[in-house]
Amino acid sequence: MVAIGNFFFKHRNWLFIVFYAALFLPSPSLIPASLDFWSMALGLIITIAGQLIRGLTIGLAYIVRGGKEGKPYADGLVTEGIFRHCRNPLYVGNILMLLGVGILANSLFYIGIMIPLFLFIYQAIVLAEEDFLRKKFGPGFDAYCQDVNRWLPRIHGLSKTLSSMEFNWKRWILKEHTTQFIWLIGITLLLLFNHPQLTDNNPDCRNAWLIGTLSTLTAIYLLVRVLKKTGRFKAE
């Protein structure tokens, strides 16, 4: 599994393109049309919960862990913030985000095939990362693993963690603006095309909302990019 995880870690950026595109493939319905409102509400709640977990994780104690020459890499062992409650909160957030948009798309194929495949890939990636971290940090990482769950977040003590740390909203924007942009575009497309009752089944109304929303999101995204590139917006 470690070898499989290293392979997918190296190509992980392509994974999101594939899984994002799969949302729009034709599929039998997951939930009957009569329960359309509930599928929409449930999907939004789950995907927003995933984004909130990602936001809290990055805003409280961002972990500098990425790829170096296509392999897992870490500057240090971060155990603060949301990492006190889950070893992989960013991945948990990603899973919930994709699960939510899959429900929002009302796609049986996505929930039945793509989500289990995504879970398998993430499990392999995490095992590869843990192999690297265990070799680098030794007993310190083993002690952390004994205290904190790999996937299931521990709720106990969460309020204390949140109240004892300051949320770095600038870091959240700088690190998450691309993810937020892509995520919100996906939600917009799914809501307007999979739930036409929101625009009274009127294509002209739908297109107006589509153009307006995408234009606004793109303008905000480009503004953040410019401010970041010019150095006028920096995390503290």
C-alpha atoms as a PDB file:
ATOM      1  CA  MET A   1       0.000   0.000   0.000  1.00  0.00           C
ATOM      2  CA  VAL A   2       2.901   2.356   0.683  1.00  0.00           C
ATOM      3  CA  ALA A   3       4.157   1.936  -2.895  1.00  0.00           C
ATOM      4  CA  ILE A   4       0.635   2.563  -4.222  1.00  0.00           C
ATOM      5  CA  GLY A   5       0.349   5.605  -1.967  1.00  0.00           C
ATOM      6  CA  ASN A   6       3.646   7.028  -3.209  1.00  0.00           C
ATOM      7  CA  PHE A   7       2.434   6.631  -6.800  1.00  0.00           C
ATOM      8  CA  PHE A   8      -0.835   8.451  -6.171  1.00  0.00           C
ATOM      9  CA  PHE A   9       0.921  11.086  -4.047  1.00  0.00           C
ATOM     10  CA  LYS A  10       3.163  11.906  -6.983  1.00  0.00           C
ATOM     11  CA  HIS A  11       0.151  12.338  -9.263  1.00  0.00           C
ATOM     12  CA  ARG A  12      -2.294  13.650  -6.645  1.00  0.00           C
ATOM     13  CA  ASN A  13      -2.932  16.978  -8.415  1.00  0.00           C
ATOM     14  CA  TRP A  14      -4.449  15.095 -11.351  1.00  0.00           C
ATOM     15  CA  LEU A  15      -6.759  13.176  -9.023  1.00  0.00           C
ATOM     16  CA  PHE A  16      -8.915  16.213  -8.312  1.00  0.00           C
ATOM     17  CA  ILE A  17      -9.282  16.992 -12.007  1.00  0.00           C
ATOM     18  CA  VAL A  18     -10.506  13.446 -12.649  1.00  0.00           C
ATOM     19  CA  PHE A  19     -12.840  13.364  -9.663  1.00  0.00           C
ATOM     20  CA  TYR A  20     -14.112  16.858 -10.394  1.00  0.00           C
ATOM     21  CA  ALA A  21     -14.911  15.980 -14.008  1.00  0.00           C
ATOM     22  CA  ALA A  22     -16.664  12.755 -12.920  1.00  0.00           C
ATOM     23  CA  LEU A  23     -19.337  14.844 -11.190  1.00  0.00           C
ATOM     24  CA  PHE A  24     -20.763  15.750 -14.576  1.00  0.00           C
ATOM     25  CA  LEU A  25     -20.870  12.262 -16.086  1.00  0.00           C
ATOM     26  CA  PRO A  26     -24.373  10.854 -16.791  1.00  0.00           C
ATOM     27  CA  SER A  27     -25.594   8.631 -13.974  1.00  0.00           C
ATOM     28  CA  PRO A  28     -28.739   7.088 -12.496  1.00  0.00           C
ATOM     29  CA  SER A  29     -30.193   9.177  -9.691  1.00  0.00           C
ATOM     30  CA  LEU A  30     -29.012   8.576  -6.161  1.00  0.00           C
ATOM     31  CA  ILE A  31     -32.140  10.065  -4.584  1.00  0.00           C
ATOM     32  CA  PRO A  32     -35.675  10.159  -6.120  1.00  0.00           C
ATOM     33  CA  ALA A  33     -36.744  13.407  -7.754  1.00  0.00           C
ATOM     34  CA  SER A  34     -39.495  13.784  -5.146  1.00  0.00           C
ATOM     35  CA  LEU A  35     -36.760  14.290  -2.526  1.00  0.00           C
ATOM     36  CA  ASP A  36     -34.787  16.756  -4.601  1.00  0.00           C
ATOM     37  CA  PHE A  37     -34.840  19.465  -1.924  1.00  0.00           C
ATOM     38  CA  TRP A  38     -33.458  17.100   0.697  1.00  0.00           C
ATOM     39  CA  SER A  39     -30.681  15.818  -1.556  1.00  0.00           C
ATOM     40  CA  MET A  40     -29.705  19.398  -2.312  1.00  0.00           C
ATOM     41  CA  ALA A  41     -29.764  20.409   1.355  1.00  0.00           C
ATOM     42  CA  LEU A  42     -27.858  17.307   2.495  1.00  0.00           C
ATOM     43  CA  GLY A  43     -25.232  17.746  -0.207  1.00  0.00           C
ATOM     44  CA  LEU A  44     -24.673  21.392   0.668  1.00  0.00           C
ATOM     45  CA  ILE A  45     -24.412  20.691   4.402  1.00  0.00           C
ATOM     46  CA  ILE A  46     -21.829  17.938   3.916  1.00  0.00           C
ATOM     47  CA  THR A  47     -19.681  19.777   1.373  1.00  0.00           C
ATOM     48  CA  ILE A  48     -19.714  23.009   3.411  1.00  0.00           C
ATOM     49  CA  ALA A  49     -18.735  21.009   6.509  1.00  0.00           C
ATOM     50  CA  GLY A  50     -15.733  19.701   4.592  1.00  0.00           C
ATOM     51  CA  GLN A  51     -14.687  23.191   3.590  1.00  0.00           C
ATOM     52  CA  LEU A  52     -15.104  24.418   7.179  1.00  0.00           C
ATOM     53  CA  ILE A  53     -12.794  21.662   8.422  1.00  0.00           C
ATOM     54  CA  ARG A  54     -10.194  22.632   5.835  1.00  0.00           C
ATOM     55  CA  GLY A  55     -10.568  26.299   6.727  1.00  0.00           C
ATOM     56  CA  LEU A  56     -10.176  25.743  10.463  1.00  0.00           C
ATOM     57  CA  THR A  57      -7.173  23.496   9.906  1.00  0.00           C
ATOM     58  CA  ILE A  58      -5.330  26.007   7.735  1.00  0.00           C
ATOM     59  CA  GLY A  59      -6.351  29.066   9.745  1.00  0.00           C
ATOM     60  CA  LEU A  60      -5.269  27.664  13.116  1.00  0.00           C
ATOM     61  CA  ALA A  61      -2.097  25.635  12.527  1.00  0.00           C
ATOM     62  CA  TYR A  62      -1.163  25.114   8.908  1.00  0.00           C
ATOM     63  CA  ILE A  63       1.022  22.093   8.308  1.00  0.00           C
ATOM     64  CA  VAL A  64       3.887  22.609   5.895  1.00  0.00           C
ATOM     65  CA  ARG A  65       3.627  19.254   4.208  1.00  0.00           C
ATOM     66  CA  GLY A  66       3.825  18.827   0.521  1.00  0.00           C
ATOM     67  CA  GLY A  67       5.740  17.130  -2.186  1.00  0.00           C
ATOM     68  CA  LYS A  68       9.455  17.196  -2.783  1.00  0.00           C
ATOM     69  CA  GLU A  69      10.582  15.417  -5.936  1.00  0.00           C
ATOM     70  CA  GLY A  70       7.187  13.694  -6.042  1.00  0.00           C
ATOM     71  CA  LYS A  71       7.471  12.238  -2.548  1.00  0.00           C
ATOM     72  CA  PRO A  72       5.986  13.125   0.879  1.00  0.00           C
ATOM     73  CA  TYR A  73       7.852  15.857   2.727  1.00  0.00           C
ATOM     74  CA  ALA A  74       7.447  17.674   6.058  1.00  0.00           C
ATOM     75  CA  ASP A  75       9.415  20.429   7.802  1.00  0.00           C
ATOM     76  CA  GLY A  76       8.179  19.386  11.211  1.00  0.00           C
ATOM     77  CA  LEU A  77       5.596  17.382  13.104  1.00  0.00           C
ATOM     78  CA  VAL A  78       2.578  19.627  13.618  1.00  0.00           C
ATOM     79  CA  THR A  79       0.233  18.541  16.420  1.00  0.00           C
ATOM     80  CA  GLU A  80      -1.539  21.828  17.183  1.00  0.00           C
ATOM     81  CA  GLY A  81      -4.905  23.176  16.130  1.00  0.00           C
ATOM     82  CA  ILE A  82      -7.202  20.707  14.418  1.00  0.00           C
ATOM     83  CA  PHE A  83      -4.267  18.291  14.208  1.00  0.00           C
ATOM     84  CA  ARG A  84      -4.828  17.710  17.938  1.00  0.00           C
ATOM     85  CA  HIS A  85      -8.114  16.086  17.029  1.00  0.00           C
ATOM     86  CA  CYS A  86      -7.385  14.298  13.737  1.00  0.00           C
ATOM     87  CA  ARG A  87      -4.154  13.322  12.003  1.00  0.00           C
ATOM     88  CA  ASN A  88      -5.494  14.119   8.528  1.00  0.00           C
ATOM     89  CA  PRO A  89      -8.100  16.888   8.852  1.00  0.00           C
ATOM     90  CA  LEU A  90      -7.382  18.330   5.395  1.00  0.00           C
ATOM     91  CA  TYR A  91      -8.043  14.946   3.818  1.00  0.00           C
ATOM     92  CA  VAL A  92     -11.192  14.500   5.903  1.00  0.00           C
ATOM     93  CA  GLY A  93     -12.316  17.899   4.624  1.00  0.00           C
ATOM     94  CA  ASN A  94     -11.618  16.856   1.033  1.00  0.00           C
ATOM     95  CA  ILE A  95     -13.580  13.631   1.444  1.00  0.00           C
ATOM     96  CA  LEU A  96     -16.596  15.476   2.844  1.00  0.00           C
ATOM     97  CA  MET A  97     -16.385  18.104   0.112  1.00  0.00           C
ATOM     98  CA  LEU A  98     -16.469  15.467  -2.633  1.00  0.00           C
ATOM     99  CA  LEU A  99     -19.124  13.391  -0.886  1.00  0.00           C
ATOM    100  CA  GLY A 100     -21.305  16.484  -0.558  1.00  0.00           C
ATOM    101  CA  VAL A 101     -21.010  17.550  -4.184  1.00  0.00           C
ATOM    102  CA  GLY A 102     -21.643  13.938  -5.238  1.00  0.00           C
ATOM    103  CA  ILE A 103     -24.942  14.033  -3.359  1.00  0.00           C
ATOM    104  CA  LEU A 104     -25.616  17.504  -4.767  1.00  0.00           C
ATOM    105  CA  ALA A 105     -25.099  16.054  -8.245  1.00  0.00           C
ATOM    106  CA  ASN A 106     -27.537  13.264  -7.280  1.00  0.00           C
ATOM    107  CA  SER A 107     -25.142  10.811  -8.934  1.00  0.00           C
ATOM    108  CA  LEU A 108     -25.374   7.138  -8.002  1.00  0.00           C
ATOM    109  CA  PHE A 109     -22.230   6.485 -10.055  1.00  0.00           C
ATOM    110  CA  TYR A 110     -20.250   9.101  -8.149  1.00  0.00           C
ATOM    111  CA  ILE A 111     -21.306   7.965  -4.682  1.00  0.00           C
ATOM    112  CA  GLY A 112     -21.160   4.259  -5.484  1.00  0.00           C
ATOM    113  CA  ILE A 113     -17.954   4.151  -7.555  1.00  0.00           C
ATOM    114  CA  MET A 114     -15.911   7.337  -7.346  1.00  0.00           C
ATOM    115  CA  ILE A 115     -16.158   7.960  -3.593  1.00  0.00           C
ATOM    116  CA  PRO A 116     -15.016   4.408  -2.613  1.00  0.00           C
ATOM    117  CA  LEU A 117     -12.171   4.738  -5.131  1.00  0.00           C
ATOM    118  CA  PHE A 118     -11.240   8.104  -3.632  1.00  0.00           C
ATOM    119  CA  LEU A 119     -11.217   6.600  -0.118  1.00  0.00           C
ATOM    120  CA  PHE A 120      -8.923   3.793  -1.258  1.00  0.00           C
ATOM    121  CA  ILE A 121      -6.507   6.252  -2.884  1.00  0.00           C
ATOM    122  CA  TYR A 122      -6.462   8.508   0.179  1.00  0.00           C
ATOM    123  CA  GLN A 123      -5.869   5.571   2.510  1.00  0.00           C
ATOM    124  CA  ALA A 124      -2.871   4.571   0.380  1.00  0.00           C
ATOM    125  CA  ILE A 125      -1.523   8.131   0.318  1.00  0.00           C
ATOM    126  CA  VAL A 126      -1.875   8.474   4.089  1.00  0.00           C
ATOM    127  CA  LEU A 127      -0.048   5.182   4.663  1.00  0.00           C
ATOM    128  CA  ALA A 128       2.785   6.434   2.450  1.00  0.00           C
ATOM    129  CA  GLU A 129       2.927   9.730   4.341  1.00  0.00           C
ATOM    130  CA  GLU A 130       2.884   7.940   7.687  1.00  0.00           C
ATOM    131  CA  ASP A 131       5.738   5.709   6.560  1.00  0.00           C
ATOM    132  CA  PHE A 132       7.767   8.821   5.758  1.00  0.00           C
ATOM    133  CA  LEU A 133       6.836  10.606   8.999  1.00  0.00           C
ATOM    134  CA  ARG A 134       7.577   7.561  11.140  1.00  0.00           C
ATOM    135  CA  LYS A 135      11.040   7.257   9.606  1.00  0.00           C
ATOM    136  CA  LYS A 136      11.729  10.968  10.074  1.00  0.00           C
ATOM    137  CA  PHE A 137      10.226  11.632  13.517  1.00  0.00           C
ATOM    138  CA  GLY A 138      10.363   8.151  15.070  1.00  0.00           C
ATOM    139  CA  PRO A 139       8.901   7.766  18.593  1.00  0.00           C
ATOM    140  CA  GLY A 140       7.442  11.280  18.490  1.00  0.00           C
ATOM    141  CA  PHE A 141       5.207  10.360  15.571  1.00  0.00           C
ATOM    142  CA  ASP A 142       4.301   6.989  17.130  1.00  0.00           C
ATOM    143  CA  ALA A 143       3.169   8.770  20.316  1.00  0.00           C
ATOM    144  CA  TYR A 144       1.111  11.188  18.250  1.00  0.00           C
ATOM    145  CA  CYS A 145      -0.553   8.283  16.403  1.00  0.00           C
ATOM    146  CA  GLN A 146      -1.467   6.615  19.689  1.00  0.00           C
ATOM    147  CA  ASP A 147      -3.131   9.805  20.921  1.00  0.00           C
ATOM    148  CA  VAL A 148      -4.910  11.035  17.770  1.00  0.00           C
ATOM    149  CA  ASN A 149      -7.123   9.128  15.309  1.00  0.00           C
ATOM    150  CA  ARG A 150      -6.109   8.828  11.674  1.00  0.00           C
ATOM    151  CA  TRP A 151      -9.563   9.642  10.264  1.00  0.00           C
ATOM    152  CA  LEU A 152     -12.291  10.054  12.888  1.00  0.00           C
ATOM    153  CA  PRO A 153     -12.017  13.523  14.458  1.00  0.00           C
ATOM    154  CA  ARG A 154     -12.059  13.660  18.249  1.00  0.00           C
ATOM    155  CA  ILE A 155     -14.592  16.237  19.403  1.00  0.00           C
ATOM    156  CA  HIS A 156     -13.460  16.299  23.047  1.00  0.00           C
ATOM    157  CA  GLY A 157     -11.470  19.433  23.775  1.00  0.00           C
ATOM    158  CA  LEU A 158     -12.297  21.071  20.448  1.00  0.00           C
ATOM    159  CA  SER A 159     -13.836  24.181  22.034  1.00  0.00           C
ATOM    160  CA  LYS A 160     -10.666  24.655  24.105  1.00  0.00           C
ATOM    161  CA  THR A 161      -8.522  24.357  20.994  1.00  0.00           C
ATOM    162  CA  LEU A 162     -10.621  26.913  19.110  1.00  0.00           C
ATOM    163  CA  SER A 163     -10.665  29.406  22.000  1.00  0.00           C
ATOM    164  CA  SER A 164      -6.935  29.129  22.714  1.00  0.00           C
ATOM    165  CA  MET A 165      -5.762  29.907  19.170  1.00  0.00           C
ATOM    166  CA  GLU A 166      -6.179  32.843  16.823  1.00  0.00           C
ATOM    167  CA  PHE A 167      -7.632  32.160  13.383  1.00  0.00           C
ATOM    168  CA  ASN A 168      -5.311  33.472  10.660  1.00  0.00           C
ATOM    169  CA  TRP A 169      -7.866  34.486   8.047  1.00  0.00           C
ATOM    170  CA  LYS A 170      -5.239  35.932   5.704  1.00  0.00           C
ATOM    171  CA  ARG A 171      -3.426  32.602   5.567  1.00  0.00           C
ATOM    172  CA  TRP A 172      -6.744  30.873   4.935  1.00  0.00           C
ATOM    173  CA  ILE A 173      -7.472  33.123   1.945  1.00  0.00           C
ATOM    174  CA  LEU A 174      -3.955  32.841   0.514  1.00  0.00           C
ATOM    175  CA  LYS A 175      -3.820  29.059   0.828  1.00  0.00           C
ATOM    176  CA  GLU A 176      -7.430  28.291  -0.070  1.00  0.00           C
ATOM    177  CA  HIS A 177      -8.507  30.805  -2.703  1.00  0.00           C
ATOM    178  CA  THR A 178      -7.928  28.423  -5.615  1.00  0.00           C
ATOM    179  CA  THR A 179      -9.685  25.522  -3.874  1.00  0.00           C
ATOM    180  CA  GLN A 180     -12.555  27.805  -2.923  1.00  0.00           C
ATOM    181  CA  PHE A 181     -12.836  29.136  -6.471  1.00  0.00           C
ATOM    182  CA  ILE A 182     -13.001  25.689  -8.076  1.00  0.00           C
ATOM    183  CA  TRP A 183     -15.330  24.361  -5.362  1.00  0.00           C
ATOM    184  CA  LEU A 184     -17.773  27.270  -5.677  1.00  0.00           C
ATOM    185  CA  ILE A 185     -17.828  27.003  -9.468  1.00  0.00           C
ATOM    186  CA  GLY A 186     -18.688  23.312  -9.148  1.00  0.00           C
ATOM    187  CA  ILE A 187     -21.472  24.031  -6.674  1.00  0.00           C
ATOM    188  CA  THR A 188     -22.844  26.771  -8.934  1.00  0.00           C
ATOM    189  CA  LEU A 189     -22.946  24.477 -11.969  1.00  0.00           C
ATOM    190  CA  LEU A 190     -24.519  21.608 -10.029  1.00  0.00           C
ATOM    191  CA  LEU A 191     -27.178  23.805  -8.444  1.00  0.00           C
ATOM    192  CA  LEU A 192     -28.176  25.537 -11.669  1.00  0.00           C
ATOM    193  CA  PHE A 193     -28.143  22.519 -13.980  1.00  0.00           C
ATOM    194  CA  ASN A 194     -29.136  19.685 -11.619  1.00  0.00           C
ATOM    195  CA  HIS A 195     -31.778  21.641  -9.725  1.00  0.00           C
ATOM    196  CA  PRO A 196     -33.598  23.730 -12.374  1.00  0.00           C
ATOM    197  CA  GLN A 197     -36.464  24.458  -9.996  1.00  0.00           C
ATOM    198  CA  LEU A 198     -34.174  27.029  -8.355  1.00  0.00           C
ATOM    199  CA  THR A 199     -34.597  29.208 -11.446  1.00  0.00           C
ATOM    200  CA  ASP A 200     -38.232  28.245 -12.120  1.00  0.00           C
ATOM    201  CA  ASN A 201     -37.119  25.941 -14.960  1.00  0.00           C
ATOM    202  CA  ASN A 202     -36.316  29.055 -16.957  1.00  0.00           C
ATOM    203  CA  PRO A 203     -33.116  28.713 -19.075  1.00  0.00           C
ATOM    204  CA  ASP A 204     -32.762  32.482 -19.452  1.00  0.00           C
ATOM    205  CA  CYS A 205     -32.938  32.979 -15.698  1.00  0.00           C
ATOM    206  CA  ARG A 206     -30.491  30.130 -15.175  1.00  0.00           C
ATOM    207  CA  ASN A 207     -28.020  31.577 -17.677  1.00  0.00           C
ATOM    208  CA  ALA A 208     -28.253  35.009 -16.087  1.00  0.00           C
ATOM    209  CA  TRP A 209     -27.449  33.546 -12.661  1.00  0.00           C
ATOM    210  CA  LEU A 210     -24.668  31.468 -14.194  1.00  0.00           C
ATOM    211  CA  ILE A 211     -22.976  34.407 -15.915  1.00  0.00           C
ATOM    212  CA  GLY A 212     -23.381  36.679 -12.902  1.00  0.00           C
ATOM    213  CA  THR A 213     -22.094  34.174 -10.367  1.00  0.00           C
ATOM    214  CA  LEU A 214     -19.149  32.951 -12.447  1.00  0.00           C
ATOM    215  CA  SER A 215     -18.161  36.533 -13.298  1.00  0.00           C
ATOM    216  CA  THR A 216     -18.222  37.538  -9.625  1.00  0.00           C
ATOM    217  CA  LEU A 217     -16.242  34.495  -8.491  1.00  0.00           C
ATOM    218  CA  THR A 218     -13.666  34.995 -11.246  1.00  0.00           C
ATOM    219  CA  ALA A 219     -13.251  38.679 -10.396  1.00  0.00           C
ATOM    220  CA  ILE A 220     -12.691  37.908  -6.703  1.00  0.00           C
ATOM    221  CA  TYR A 221     -10.252  35.116  -7.544  1.00  0.00           C
ATOM    222  CA  LEU A 222      -8.211  37.317  -9.889  1.00  0.00           C
ATOM    223  CA  LEU A 223      -8.155  40.129  -7.312  1.00  0.00           C
ATOM    224  CA  VAL A 224      -6.712  37.794  -4.667  1.00  0.00           C
ATOM    225  CA  ARG A 225      -4.146  36.476  -7.161  1.00  0.00           C
ATOM    226  CA  VAL A 226      -3.026  40.007  -8.043  1.00  0.00           C
ATOM    227  CA  LEU A 227      -2.792  41.080  -4.399  1.00  0.00           C
ATOM    228  CA  LYS A 228      -0.796  37.936  -3.607  1.00  0.00           C
ATOM    229  CA  LYS A 229       1.588  38.332  -6.554  1.00  0.00           C
ATOM    230  CA  THR A 230       2.254  41.998  -5.805  1.00  0.00           C
ATOM    231  CA  GLY A 231       2.828  41.328  -2.123  1.00  0.00           C
ATOM    232  CA  ARG A 232       0.034  43.637  -0.977  1.00  0.00           C
ATOM    233  CA  PHE A 233      -1.748  40.789   0.787  1.00  0.00           C
ATOM    234  CA  LYS A 234       0.337  38.601   3.076  1.00  0.00           C
ATOM    235  CA  ALA A 235      -0.372  36.209   5.923  1.00  0.00           C
ATOM    236  CA  GLU A 236       0.787  37.446   9.309  1.00  0.00           C
END
